[in-house]
Amino acid sequence: MNFIHEYALLVAVSLPVAVVVAMQAYLFLNGERGTLLLPGFGAFPKVEIGAMEPAAVDVSPAKATARPVEFAVNDLCEEAA
Protein backbone atom coordinates (compact mmCIF):
# COMPACT_ATOMS: atom_id res chain seq x y z
CA MET A 1 0.00 0.00 0.00
CA ASN A 2 2.88 2.40 0.67
CA PHE A 3 4.17 1.90 -2.87
CA ILE A 4 0.88 3.20 -4.30
CA HIS A 5 0.85 6.18 -1.95
CA GLU A 6 4.44 7.09 -2.79
CA TYR A 7 4.04 7.10 -6.55
CA ALA A 8 0.41 8.20 -6.97
CA LEU A 9 1.35 11.90 -6.84
CA LEU A 10 4.16 11.36 -9.33
CA VAL A 11 1.78 9.67 -11.76
CA ALA A 12 -0.90 12.33 -11.24
CA VAL A 13 1.53 15.15 -12.05
CA SER A 14 3.44 13.49 -14.88
CA LEU A 15 0.43 12.18 -16.80
CA PRO A 16 -0.88 15.58 -18.04
CA VAL A 17 2.67 16.66 -18.93
CA ALA A 18 3.18 13.46 -20.89
CA VAL A 19 -0.12 14.00 -22.73
CA VAL A 20 0.87 17.54 -23.79
CA VAL A 21 4.28 16.34 -24.98
CA ALA A 22 2.65 13.47 -26.89
CA MET A 23 0.20 15.89 -28.55
CA GLN A 24 3.06 18.16 -29.58
CA ALA A 25 5.02 15.21 -31.01
CA TYR A 26 1.95 13.94 -32.88
CA LEU A 27 1.29 17.35 -34.43
CA PHE A 28 4.95 17.77 -35.35
CA LEU A 29 5.13 14.36 -37.03
CA ASN A 30 1.97 15.12 -39.03
CA GLY A 31 3.43 18.30 -40.46
CA GLU A 32 2.04 20.97 -38.13
CA ARG A 33 4.44 23.80 -37.43
CA GLY A 34 4.01 26.70 -35.03
CA THR A 35 1.26 25.16 -32.93
CA LEU A 36 3.03 26.30 -29.75
CA LEU A 37 1.63 23.78 -27.32
CA LEU A 38 5.12 23.88 -25.91
CA PRO A 39 6.58 27.26 -26.85
CA GLY A 40 10.09 26.13 -25.99
CA PHE A 41 10.24 24.05 -29.17
CA GLY A 42 9.92 27.11 -31.43
CA ALA A 43 12.44 29.84 -32.16
CA PHE A 44 11.89 33.44 -31.17
CA PRO A 45 11.21 35.85 -34.04
CA LYS A 46 14.08 38.18 -34.85
CA VAL A 47 13.47 41.92 -34.84
CA GLU A 48 15.94 44.13 -36.65
CA ILE A 49 16.15 47.52 -35.00
CA GLY A 50 17.26 49.59 -37.99
CA ALA A 51 14.92 47.96 -40.51
CA MET A 52 11.78 49.93 -39.68
CA GLU A 53 11.28 53.55 -40.67
CA PRO A 54 9.23 55.73 -38.35
CA ALA A 55 5.74 56.42 -39.64
CA ALA A 56 4.71 59.98 -40.48
CA VAL A 57 2.46 61.57 -37.88
CA ASP A 58 -0.42 63.83 -38.87
CA VAL A 59 -0.13 66.90 -36.63
CA SER A 60 -3.03 68.88 -38.09
CA PRO A 61 -5.85 69.68 -35.66
CA ALA A 62 -8.89 67.46 -35.68
CA LYS A 63 -11.93 68.77 -37.53
CA ALA A 64 -15.31 68.64 -35.90
CA THR A 65 -18.51 68.22 -37.85
CA ALA A 66 -21.07 71.01 -37.53
CA ARG A 67 -24.24 69.42 -36.21
CA PRO A 68 -26.85 70.88 -33.90
CA VAL A 69 -26.61 70.19 -30.22
CA GLU A 70 -29.05 67.54 -29.11
CA PHE A 71 -30.87 68.02 -25.82
CA ALA A 72 -32.37 65.35 -23.66
CA VAL A 73 -36.11 64.82 -23.78
CA ASN A 74 -36.54 65.61 -20.11
CA ASP A 75 -34.35 68.73 -20.24
CA LEU A 76 -37.19 71.03 -19.15
CA CYS A 77 -37.96 68.77 -16.21
CA GLU A 78 -34.34 68.86 -15.15
CA GLU A 79 -34.25 72.66 -15.25
CA ALA A 80 -37.42 72.85 -13.12
CA ALA A 81 -35.93 70.55 -10.53
C-alpha atoms as a PDB file:
ATOM      1  CA  MET A   1       0.000   0.000   0.000  1.00  0.00           C
ATOM      2  CA  ASN A   2       2.878   2.405   0.671  1.00  0.00           C
ATOM      3  CA  PHE A   3       4.171   1.905  -2.865  1.00  0.00           C
ATOM      4  CA  ILE A   4       0.876   3.195  -4.298  1.00  0.00           C
ATOM      5  CA  HIS A   5       0.854   6.179  -1.949  1.00  0.00           C
ATOM      6  CA  GLU A   6       4.442   7.087  -2.787  1.00  0.00           C
ATOM      7  CA  TYR A   7       4.040   7.101  -6.549  1.00  0.00           C
ATOM      8  CA  ALA A   8       0.414   8.202  -6.972  1.00  0.00           C
ATOM      9  CA  LEU A   9       1.350  11.905  -6.839  1.00  0.00           C
ATOM     10  CA  LEU A  10       4.163  11.355  -9.330  1.00  0.00           C
ATOM     11  CA  VAL A  11       1.784   9.667 -11.758  1.00  0.00           C
ATOM     12  CA  ALA A  12      -0.899  12.328 -11.237  1.00  0.00           C
ATOM     13  CA  VAL A  13       1.534  15.148 -12.055  1.00  0.00           C
ATOM     14  CA  SER A  14       3.437  13.487 -14.881  1.00  0.00           C
ATOM     15  CA  LEU A  15       0.425  12.175 -16.798  1.00  0.00           C
ATOM     16  CA  PRO A  16      -0.876  15.585 -18.036  1.00  0.00           C
ATOM     17  CA  VAL A  17       2.668  16.659 -18.928  1.00  0.00           C
ATOM     18  CA  ALA A  18       3.182  13.459 -20.889  1.00  0.00           C
ATOM     19  CA  VAL A  19      -0.125  14.000 -22.731  1.00  0.00           C
ATOM     20  CA  VAL A  20       0.874  17.541 -23.789  1.00  0.00           C
ATOM     21  CA  VAL A  21       4.282  16.343 -24.984  1.00  0.00           C
ATOM     22  CA  ALA A  22       2.648  13.473 -26.886  1.00  0.00           C
ATOM     23  CA  MET A  23       0.198  15.887 -28.547  1.00  0.00           C
ATOM     24  CA  GLN A  24       3.064  18.156 -29.585  1.00  0.00           C
ATOM     25  CA  ALA A  25       5.018  15.215 -31.006  1.00  0.00           C
ATOM     26  CA  TYR A  26       1.950  13.939 -32.879  1.00  0.00           C
ATOM     27  CA  LEU A  27       1.292  17.345 -34.428  1.00  0.00           C
ATOM     28  CA  PHE A  28       4.955  17.768 -35.348  1.00  0.00           C
ATOM     29  CA  LEU A  29       5.129  14.357 -37.025  1.00  0.00           C
ATOM     30  CA  ASN A  30       1.971  15.115 -39.034  1.00  0.00           C
ATOM     31  CA  GLY A  31       3.429  18.297 -40.456  1.00  0.00           C
ATOM     32  CA  GLU A  32       2.044  20.971 -38.127  1.00  0.00           C
ATOM     33  CA  ARG A  33       4.442  23.803 -37.425  1.00  0.00           C
ATOM     34  CA  GLY A  34       4.012  26.698 -35.035  1.00  0.00           C
ATOM     35  CA  THR A  35       1.257  25.156 -32.928  1.00  0.00           C
ATOM     36  CA  LEU A  36       3.026  26.296 -29.748  1.00  0.00           C
ATOM     37  CA  LEU A  37       1.625  23.781 -27.324  1.00  0.00           C
ATOM     38  CA  LEU A  38       5.122  23.884 -25.911  1.00  0.00           C
ATOM     39  CA  PRO A  39       6.578  27.263 -26.853  1.00  0.00           C
ATOM     40  CA  GLY A  40      10.091  26.125 -25.986  1.00  0.00           C
ATOM     41  CA  PHE A  41      10.241  24.050 -29.174  1.00  0.00           C
ATOM     42  CA  GLY A  42       9.917  27.110 -31.428  1.00  0.00           C
ATOM     43  CA  ALA A  43      12.445  29.843 -32.161  1.00  0.00           C
ATOM     44  CA  PHE A  44      11.895  33.443 -31.167  1.00  0.00           C
ATOM     45  CA  PRO A  45      11.207  35.848 -34.040  1.00  0.00           C
ATOM     46  CA  LYS A  46      14.080  38.181 -34.853  1.00  0.00           C
ATOM     47  CA  VAL A  47      13.469  41.919 -34.845  1.00  0.00           C
ATOM     48  CA  GLU A  48      15.936  44.125 -36.646  1.00  0.00           C
ATOM     49  CA  ILE A  49      16.150  47.516 -34.995  1.00  0.00           C
ATOM     50  CA  GLY A  50      17.259  49.588 -37.988  1.00  0.00           C
ATOM     51  CA  ALA A  51      14.919  47.964 -40.510  1.00  0.00           C
ATOM     52  CA  MET A  52      11.780  49.926 -39.682  1.00  0.00           C
ATOM     53  CA  GLU A  53      11.277  53.552 -40.672  1.00  0.00           C
ATOM     54  CA  PRO A  54       9.232  55.731 -38.346  1.00  0.00           C
ATOM     55  CA  ALA A  55       5.744  56.416 -39.642  1.00  0.00           C
ATOM     56  CA  ALA A  56       4.707  59.980 -40.479  1.00  0.00           C
ATOM     57  CA  VAL A  57       2.456  61.567 -37.884  1.00  0.00           C
ATOM     58  CA  ASP A  58      -0.417  63.829 -38.870  1.00  0.00           C
ATOM     59  CA  VAL A  59      -0.134  66.898 -36.628  1.00  0.00           C
ATOM     60  CA  SER A  60      -3.027  68.876 -38.089  1.00  0.00           C
ATOM     61  CA  PRO A  61      -5.850  69.680 -35.656  1.00  0.00           C
ATOM     62  CA  ALA A  62      -8.889  67.465 -35.683  1.00  0.00           C
ATOM     63  CA  LYS A  63     -11.927  68.772 -37.535  1.00  0.00           C
ATOM     64  CA  ALA A  64     -15.313  68.643 -35.898  1.00  0.00           C
ATOM     65  CA  THR A  65     -18.514  68.218 -37.853  1.00  0.00           C
ATOM     66  CA  ALA A  66     -21.071  71.013 -37.531  1.00  0.00           C
ATOM     67  CA  ARG A  67     -24.235  69.424 -36.215  1.00  0.00           C
ATOM     68  CA  PRO A  68     -26.855  70.880 -33.903  1.00  0.00           C
ATOM     69  CA  VAL A  69     -26.606  70.194 -30.219  1.00  0.00           C
ATOM     70  CA  GLU A  70     -29.049  67.536 -29.105  1.00  0.00           C
ATOM     71  CA  PHE A  71     -30.866  68.021 -25.819  1.00  0.00           C
ATOM     72  CA  ALA A  72     -32.368  65.351 -23.657  1.00  0.00           C
ATOM     73  CA  VAL A  73     -36.108  64.821 -23.782  1.00  0.00           C
ATOM     74  CA  ASN A  74     -36.544  65.611 -20.109  1.00  0.00           C
ATOM     75  CA  ASP A  75     -34.347  68.730 -20.236  1.00  0.00           C
ATOM     76  CA  LEU A  76     -37.193  71.029 -19.151  1.00  0.00           C
ATOM     77  CA  CYS A  77     -37.958  68.770 -16.207  1.00  0.00           C
ATOM     78  CA  GLU A  78     -34.340  68.863 -15.150  1.00  0.00           C
ATOM     79  CA  GLU A  79     -34.248  72.659 -15.245  1.00  0.00           C
ATOM     80  CA  ALA A  80     -37.416  72.850 -13.120  1.00  0.00           C
ATOM     81  CA  ALA A  81     -35.932  70.554 -10.525  1.00  0.00           C
END
